Amino acid sequence: SMYTMAWFRQGPGKEREFVPAITYSGGS
């Protein structure tokens, strides 16, 4: 519960890119 969590993605031949992030509380 103390971590920022996020998803990233990496397509073929592409750099890893940010998708979404969420606060430790889930409020934002």
PDB file of all heavy atoms in Angstrom:
ATOM      1  N   SER A   1       0.808  -1.208   0.000  1.00  0.00           N
ATOM      2  CA  SER A   1       0.000   0.000   0.000  1.00  0.00           C
ATOM      3  C   SER A   1       0.847   1.267   0.000  1.00  0.00           C
ATOM      4  O   SER A   1       0.310   2.368  -0.133  1.00  0.00           O
ATOM      5  CB  SER A   1      -0.937   0.008   1.209  1.00  0.00           C
ATOM      6  OG  SER A   1      -0.182   0.002   2.405  1.00  0.00           O
ATOM      7  N   MET A   2       2.167   1.155   0.141  1.00  0.00           N
ATOM      8  CA  MET A   2       3.023   2.331   0.188  1.00  0.00           C
ATOM      9  C   MET A   2       3.638   2.655  -1.172  1.00  0.00           C
ATOM     10  O   MET A   2       4.424   3.604  -1.276  1.00  0.00           O
ATOM     11  CB  MET A   2       4.139   2.117   1.209  1.00  0.00           C
ATOM     12  CG  MET A   2       3.621   1.867   2.615  1.00  0.00           C
ATOM     13  SD  MET A   2       2.525   3.186   3.188  1.00  0.00           S
ATOM     14  CE  MET A   2       3.664   4.551   3.258  1.00  0.00           C
ATOM     15  N   TYR A   3       3.319   1.920  -2.209  1.00  0.00           N
ATOM     16  CA  TYR A   3       3.963   2.095  -3.507  1.00  0.00           C
ATOM     17  C   TYR A   3       3.058   2.786  -4.516  1.00  0.00           C
ATOM     18  O   TYR A   3       1.857   2.519  -4.581  1.00  0.00           O
ATOM     19  CB  TYR A   3       4.372   0.747  -4.080  1.00  0.00           C
ATOM     20  CG  TYR A   3       5.514   0.067  -3.361  1.00  0.00           C
ATOM     21  CD1 TYR A   3       5.273  -0.786  -2.295  1.00  0.00           C
ATOM     22  CD2 TYR A   3       6.836   0.285  -3.747  1.00  0.00           C
ATOM     23  CE1 TYR A   3       6.310  -1.412  -1.626  1.00  0.00           C
ATOM     24  CE2 TYR A   3       7.870  -0.338  -3.088  1.00  0.00           C
ATOM     25  CZ  TYR A   3       7.610  -1.178  -2.034  1.00  0.00           C
ATOM     26  OH  TYR A   3       8.639  -1.793  -1.378  1.00  0.00           O
ATOM     27  N   THR A   4       3.659   3.629  -5.338  1.00  0.00           N
ATOM     28  CA  THR A   4       3.045   4.024  -6.598  1.00  0.00           C
ATOM     29  C   THR A   4       3.121   2.816  -7.514  1.00  0.00           C
ATOM     30  O   THR A   4       4.161   2.158  -7.606  1.00  0.00           O
ATOM     31  CB  THR A   4       3.819   5.192  -7.240  1.00  0.00           C
ATOM     32  OG1 THR A   4       3.596   6.380  -6.479  1.00  0.00           O
ATOM     33  CG2 THR A   4       3.370   5.421  -8.667  1.00  0.00           C
ATOM     34  N   MET A   5       2.027   2.520  -8.206  1.00  0.00           N
ATOM     35  CA  MET A   5       2.002   1.396  -9.135  1.00  0.00           C
ATOM     36  C   MET A   5       1.705   1.913 -10.540  1.00  0.00           C
ATOM     37  O   MET A   5       0.966   2.896 -10.704  1.00  0.00           O
ATOM     38  CB  MET A   5       0.935   0.386  -8.718  1.00  0.00           C
ATOM     39  CG  MET A   5       1.132  -0.204  -7.330  1.00  0.00           C
ATOM     40  SD  MET A   5       2.657  -1.153  -7.181  1.00  0.00           S
ATOM     41  CE  MET A   5       2.343  -2.488  -8.349  1.00  0.00           C
ATOM     42  N   ALA A   6       2.256   1.243 -11.526  1.00  0.00           N
ATOM     43  CA  ALA A   6       2.067   1.680 -12.903  1.00  0.00           C
ATOM     44  C   ALA A   6       2.106   0.489 -13.849  1.00  0.00           C
ATOM     45  O   ALA A   6       2.581  -0.594 -13.491  1.00  0.00           O
ATOM     46  CB  ALA A   6       3.144   2.692 -13.292  1.00  0.00           C
ATOM     47  N   TRP A   7       1.610   0.721 -15.040  1.00  0.00           N
ATOM     48  CA  TRP A   7       1.756  -0.224 -16.145  1.00  0.00           C
ATOM     49  C   TRP A   7       2.549   0.466 -17.250  1.00  0.00           C
ATOM     50  O   TRP A   7       2.304   1.647 -17.555  1.00  0.00           O
ATOM     51  CB  TRP A   7       0.396  -0.640 -16.686  1.00  0.00           C
ATOM     52  CG  TRP A   7      -0.385  -1.534 -15.791  1.00  0.00           C
ATOM     53  CD1 TRP A   7      -1.309  -1.157 -14.852  1.00  0.00           C
ATOM     54  CD2 TRP A   7      -0.339  -2.963 -15.743  1.00  0.00           C
ATOM     55  NE1 TRP A   7      -1.821  -2.265 -14.232  1.00  0.00           N
ATOM     56  CE2 TRP A   7      -1.254  -3.388 -14.756  1.00  0.00           C
ATOM     57  CE3 TRP A   7       0.376  -3.936 -16.446  1.00  0.00           C
ATOM     58  CZ2 TRP A   7      -1.459  -4.730 -14.448  1.00  0.00           C
ATOM     59  CZ3 TRP A   7       0.179  -5.267 -16.146  1.00  0.00           C
ATOM     60  CH2 TRP A   7      -0.734  -5.660 -15.158  1.00  0.00           C
ATOM     61  N   PHE A   8       3.466  -0.279 -17.814  1.00  0.00           N
ATOM     62  CA  PHE A   8       4.204   0.139 -18.993  1.00  0.00           C
ATOM     63  C   PHE A   8       3.997  -0.941 -20.064  1.00  0.00           C
ATOM     64  O   PHE A   8       3.607  -2.066 -19.764  1.00  0.00           O
ATOM     65  CB  PHE A   8       5.702   0.282 -18.689  1.00  0.00           C
ATOM     66  CG  PHE A   8       6.043   1.506 -17.894  1.00  0.00           C
ATOM     67  CD1 PHE A   8       5.799   1.556 -16.523  1.00  0.00           C
ATOM     68  CD2 PHE A   8       6.606   2.616 -18.500  1.00  0.00           C
ATOM     69  CE1 PHE A   8       6.105   2.696 -15.775  1.00  0.00           C
ATOM     70  CE2 PHE A   8       6.928   3.753 -17.766  1.00  0.00           C
ATOM     71  CZ  PHE A   8       6.668   3.789 -16.409  1.00  0.00           C
ATOM     72  N   ARG A   9       4.290  -0.579 -21.301  1.00  0.00           N
ATOM     73  CA  ARG A   9       4.217  -1.561 -22.369  1.00  0.00           C
ATOM     74  C   ARG A   9       5.367  -1.366 -23.340  1.00  0.00           C
ATOM     75  O   ARG A   9       5.917  -0.268 -23.449  1.00  0.00           O
ATOM     76  CB  ARG A   9       2.880  -1.481 -23.097  1.00  0.00           C
ATOM     77  CG  ARG A   9       2.654  -0.203 -23.871  1.00  0.00           C
ATOM     78  CD  ARG A   9       1.240  -0.177 -24.450  1.00  0.00           C
ATOM     79  NE  ARG A   9       0.995   1.026 -25.232  1.00  0.00           N
ATOM     80  CZ  ARG A   9      -0.187   1.339 -25.755  1.00  0.00           C
ATOM     81  NH1 ARG A   9      -1.231   0.533 -25.573  1.00  0.00           N
ATOM     82  NH2 ARG A   9      -0.324   2.449 -26.455  1.00  0.00           N
ATOM     83  N   GLN A  10       5.714  -2.447 -24.009  1.00  0.00           N
ATOM     84  CA  GLN A  10       6.777  -2.389 -25.006  1.00  0.00           C
ATOM     85  C   GLN A  10       6.375  -3.239 -26.191  1.00  0.00           C
ATOM     86  O   GLN A  10       6.240  -4.456 -26.081  1.00  0.00           O
ATOM     87  CB  GLN A  10       8.093  -2.886 -24.409  1.00  0.00           C
ATOM     88  CG  GLN A  10       9.282  -2.684 -25.323  1.00  0.00           C
ATOM     89  CD  GLN A  10      10.600  -2.837 -24.588  1.00  0.00           C
ATOM     90  OE1 GLN A  10      10.665  -3.382 -23.485  1.00  0.00           O
ATOM     91  NE2 GLN A  10      11.666  -2.348 -25.186  1.00  0.00           N
ATOM     92  N   GLY A  11       6.169  -2.553 -27.317  1.00  0.00           N
ATOM     93  CA  GLY A  11       5.823  -3.241 -28.542  1.00  0.00           C
ATOM     94  C   GLY A  11       7.056  -3.658 -29.310  1.00  0.00           C
ATOM     95  O   GLY A  11       8.173  -3.224 -28.991  1.00  0.00           O
ATOM     96  N   PRO A  12       6.887  -4.472 -30.354  1.00  0.00           N
ATOM     97  CA  PRO A  12       8.033  -4.935 -31.151  1.00  0.00           C
ATOM     98  C   PRO A  12       8.818  -3.766 -31.738  1.00  0.00           C
ATOM     99  O   PRO A  12       8.244  -2.908 -32.412  1.00  0.00           O
ATOM    100  CB  PRO A  12       7.371  -5.766 -32.258  1.00  0.00           C
ATOM    101  CG  PRO A  12       6.019  -6.123 -31.724  1.00  0.00           C
ATOM    102  CD  PRO A  12       5.606  -4.990 -30.836  1.00  0.00           C
ATOM    103  N   GLY A  13      10.100  -3.728 -31.460  1.00  0.00           N
ATOM    104  CA  GLY A  13      10.948  -2.684 -31.999  1.00  0.00           C
ATOM    105  C   GLY A  13      10.719  -1.306 -31.412  1.00  0.00           C
ATOM    106  O   GLY A  13      11.201  -0.308 -31.966  1.00  0.00           O
ATOM    107  N   LYS A  14       9.989  -1.236 -30.315  1.00  0.00           N
ATOM    108  CA  LYS A  14       9.685   0.065 -29.707  1.00  0.00           C
ATOM    109  C   LYS A  14      10.286   0.171 -28.311  1.00  0.00           C
ATOM    110  O   LYS A  14      10.623  -0.830 -27.691  1.00  0.00           O
ATOM    111  CB  LYS A  14       8.170   0.273 -29.628  1.00  0.00           C
ATOM    112  CG  LYS A  14       7.470   0.295 -30.961  1.00  0.00           C
ATOM    113  CD  LYS A  14       5.987   0.534 -30.767  1.00  0.00           C
ATOM    114  CE  LYS A  14       5.243   0.569 -32.094  1.00  0.00           C
ATOM    115  NZ  LYS A  14       3.790   0.791 -31.912  1.00  0.00           N
ATOM    116  N   GLU A  15      10.397   1.393 -27.823  1.00  0.00           N
ATOM    117  CA  GLU A  15      10.851   1.611 -26.461  1.00  0.00           C
ATOM    118  C   GLU A  15       9.693   1.354 -25.493  1.00  0.00           C
ATOM    119  O   GLU A  15       8.519   1.427 -25.858  1.00  0.00           O
ATOM    120  CB  GLU A  15      11.360   3.040 -26.297  1.00  0.00           C
ATOM    121  CG  GLU A  15      12.618   3.329 -27.092  1.00  0.00           C
ATOM    122  CD  GLU A  15      13.187   4.703 -26.791  1.00  0.00           C
ATOM    123  OE1 GLU A  15      12.553   5.462 -26.028  1.00  0.00           O
ATOM    124  OE2 GLU A  15      14.270   5.009 -27.304  1.00  0.00           O
ATOM    125  N   ARG A  16      10.059   1.074 -24.245  1.00  0.00           N
ATOM    126  CA  ARG A  16       9.039   0.882 -23.225  1.00  0.00           C
ATOM    127  C   ARG A  16       8.330   2.213 -22.984  1.00  0.00           C
ATOM    128  O   ARG A  16       8.982   3.254 -22.843  1.00  0.00           O
ATOM    129  CB  ARG A  16       9.691   0.373 -21.940  1.00  0.00           C
ATOM    130  CG  ARG A  16       8.698  -0.091 -20.892  1.00  0.00           C
ATOM    131  CD  ARG A  16       9.378  -0.888 -19.801  1.00  0.00           C
ATOM    132  NE  ARG A  16       9.923  -2.148 -20.308  1.00  0.00           N
ATOM    133  CZ  ARG A  16      10.379  -3.114 -19.533  1.00  0.00           C
ATOM    134  NH1 ARG A  16      10.383  -2.966 -18.208  1.00  0.00           N
ATOM    135  NH2 ARG A  16      10.861  -4.217 -20.051  1.00  0.00           N
ATOM    136  N   GLU A  17       7.003   2.191 -22.934  1.00  0.00           N
ATOM    137  CA  GLU A  17       6.252   3.420 -22.752  1.00  0.00           C
ATOM    138  C   GLU A  17       5.258   3.316 -21.599  1.00  0.00           C
ATOM    139  O   GLU A  17       4.706   2.247 -21.318  1.00  0.00           O
ATOM    140  CB  GLU A  17       5.505   3.807 -24.040  1.00  0.00           C
ATOM    141  CG  GLU A  17       4.410   2.849 -24.446  1.00  0.00           C
ATOM    142  CD  GLU A  17       3.569   3.376 -25.602  1.00  0.00           C
ATOM    143  OE1 GLU A  17       3.638   4.581 -25.910  1.00  0.00           O
ATOM    144  OE2 GLU A  17       2.828   2.566 -26.189  1.00  0.00           O
ATOM    145  N   PHE A  18       5.050   4.456 -20.967  1.00  0.00           N
ATOM    146  CA  PHE A  18       4.118   4.584 -19.862  1.00  0.00           C
ATOM    147  C   PHE A  18       2.686   4.388 -20.345  1.00  0.00           C
ATOM    148  O   PHE A  18       2.311   4.851 -21.432  1.00  0.00           O
ATOM    149  CB  PHE A  18       4.282   5.980 -19.245  1.00  0.00           C
ATOM    150  CG  PHE A  18       3.236   6.357 -18.247  1.00  0.00           C
ATOM    151  CD1 PHE A  18       3.325   5.925 -16.937  1.00  0.00           C
ATOM    152  CD2 PHE A  18       2.167   7.156 -18.621  1.00  0.00           C
ATOM    153  CE1 PHE A  18       2.367   6.293 -16.006  1.00  0.00           C
ATOM    154  CE2 PHE A  18       1.203   7.530 -17.700  1.00  0.00           C
ATOM    155  CZ  PHE A  18       1.296   7.094 -16.389  1.00  0.00           C
ATOM    156  N   VAL A  19       1.874   3.718 -19.531  1.00  0.00           N
ATOM    157  CA  VAL A  19       0.456   3.541 -19.845  1.00  0.00           C
ATOM    158  C   VAL A  19      -0.377   4.293 -18.802  1.00  0.00           C
ATOM    159  O   VAL A  19      -0.901   5.344 -19.112  1.00  0.00           O
ATOM    160  CB  VAL A  19       0.078   2.053 -19.989  1.00  0.00           C
ATOM    161  CG1 VAL A  19      -1.367   1.901 -20.440  1.00  0.00           C
ATOM    162  CG2 VAL A  19       0.997   1.348 -21.005  1.00  0.00           C
ATOM    163  N   PRO A  20      -0.567   3.784 -17.528  1.00  0.00           N
ATOM    164  CA  PRO A  20      -1.143   4.569 -16.463  1.00  0.00           C
ATOM    165  C   PRO A  20      -0.382   4.343 -15.145  1.00  0.00           C
ATOM    166  O   PRO A  20       0.392   3.398 -15.030  1.00  0.00           O
ATOM    167  CB  PRO A  20      -2.555   3.998 -16.311  1.00  0.00           C
ATOM    168  CG  PRO A  20      -2.353   2.526 -16.634  1.00  0.00           C
ATOM    169  CD  PRO A  20      -1.049   2.421 -17.402  1.00  0.00           C
ATOM    170  N   ALA A  21      -0.617   5.215 -14.200  1.00  0.00           N
ATOM    171  CA  ALA A  21      -0.081   5.063 -12.847  1.00  0.00           C
ATOM    172  C   ALA A  21      -1.182   5.379 -11.839  1.00  0.00           C
ATOM    173  O   ALA A  21      -2.151   6.066 -12.175  1.00  0.00           O
ATOM    174  CB  ALA A  21       1.116   5.996 -12.620  1.00  0.00           C
ATOM    175  N   ILE A  22      -1.002   4.881 -10.619  1.00  0.00           N
ATOM    176  CA  ILE A  22      -1.985   5.092  -9.569  1.00  0.00           C
ATOM    177  C   ILE A  22      -1.263   5.335  -8.259  1.00  0.00           C
ATOM    178  O   ILE A  22      -0.203   4.758  -7.992  1.00  0.00           O
ATOM    179  CB  ILE A  22      -2.935   3.867  -9.476  1.00  0.00           C
ATOM    180  CG1 ILE A  22      -4.125   4.141  -8.554  1.00  0.00           C
ATOM    181  CG2 ILE A  22      -2.184   2.608  -9.041  1.00  0.00           C
ATOM    182  CD1 ILE A  22      -5.244   3.102  -8.695  1.00  0.00           C
ATOM    183  N   THR A  23      -1.822   6.217  -7.440  1.00  0.00           N
ATOM    184  CA  THR A  23      -1.198   6.523  -6.157  1.00  0.00           C
ATOM    185  C   THR A  23      -1.264   5.335  -5.203  1.00  0.00           C
ATOM    186  O   THR A  23      -2.038   4.399  -5.412  1.00  0.00           O
ATOM    187  CB  THR A  23      -1.895   7.708  -5.474  1.00  0.00           C
ATOM    188  OG1 THR A  23      -3.298   7.395  -5.348  1.00  0.00           O
ATOM    189  CG2 THR A  23      -1.722   8.981  -6.266  1.00  0.00           C
ATOM    190  N   TYR A  24      -0.472   5.430  -4.119  1.00  0.00           N
ATOM    191  CA  TYR A  24      -0.439   4.342  -3.142  1.00  0.00           C
ATOM    192  C   TYR A  24      -1.818   4.082  -2.548  1.00  0.00           C
ATOM    193  O   TYR A  24      -2.158   2.953  -2.209  1.00  0.00           O
ATOM    194  CB  TYR A  24       0.569   4.660  -2.039  1.00  0.00           C
ATOM    195  CG  TYR A  24       0.170   5.808  -1.147  1.00  0.00           C
ATOM    196  CD1 TYR A  24      -0.503   5.577   0.050  1.00  0.00           C
ATOM    197  CD2 TYR A  24       0.470   7.123  -1.488  1.00  0.00           C
ATOM    198  CE1 TYR A  24      -0.871   6.621   0.870  1.00  0.00           C
ATOM    199  CE2 TYR A  24       0.103   8.168  -0.672  1.00  0.00           C
ATOM    200  CZ  TYR A  24      -0.578   7.917   0.501  1.00  0.00           C
ATOM    201  OH  TYR A  24      -0.930   8.961   1.313  1.00  0.00           O
ATOM    202  N   SER A  25      -2.663   5.111  -2.456  1.00  0.00           N
ATOM    203  CA  SER A  25      -3.987   4.954  -1.862  1.00  0.00           C
ATOM    204  C   SER A  25      -5.047   4.560  -2.878  1.00  0.00           C
ATOM    205  O   SER A  25      -6.162   4.187  -2.513  1.00  0.00           O
ATOM    206  CB  SER A  25      -4.410   6.259  -1.189  1.00  0.00           C
ATOM    207  OG  SER A  25      -4.605   7.263  -2.167  1.00  0.00           O
ATOM    208  N   GLY A  26      -4.701   4.699  -4.154  1.00  0.00           N
ATOM    209  CA  GLY A  26      -5.687   4.444  -5.206  1.00  0.00           C
ATOM    210  C   GLY A  26      -6.598   5.622  -5.475  1.00  0.00           C
ATOM    211  O   GLY A  26      -7.525   5.538  -6.274  1.00  0.00           O
ATOM    212  N   GLY A  27      -6.316   6.758  -4.841  1.00  0.00           N
ATOM    213  CA  GLY A  27      -7.211   7.888  -4.953  1.00  0.00           C
ATOM    214  C   GLY A  27      -7.014   8.756  -6.179  1.00  0.00           C
ATOM    215  O   GLY A  27      -7.849   9.602  -6.485  1.00  0.00           O
ATOM    216  N   SER A  28      -5.903   8.560  -6.895  1.00  0.00           N
ATOM    217  CA  SER A  28      -5.626   9.390  -8.071  1.00  0.00           C
ATOM    218  C   SER A  28      -4.908   8.556  -9.125  1.00  0.00           C
ATOM    219  O   SER A  28      -4.117   7.669  -8.789  1.00  0.00           O
ATOM    220  CB  SER A  28      -4.762  10.590  -7.677  1.00  0.00           C
ATOM    221  OG  SER A  28      -4.553  11.442  -8.775  1.00  0.00           O
TER     222      SER A  28
END
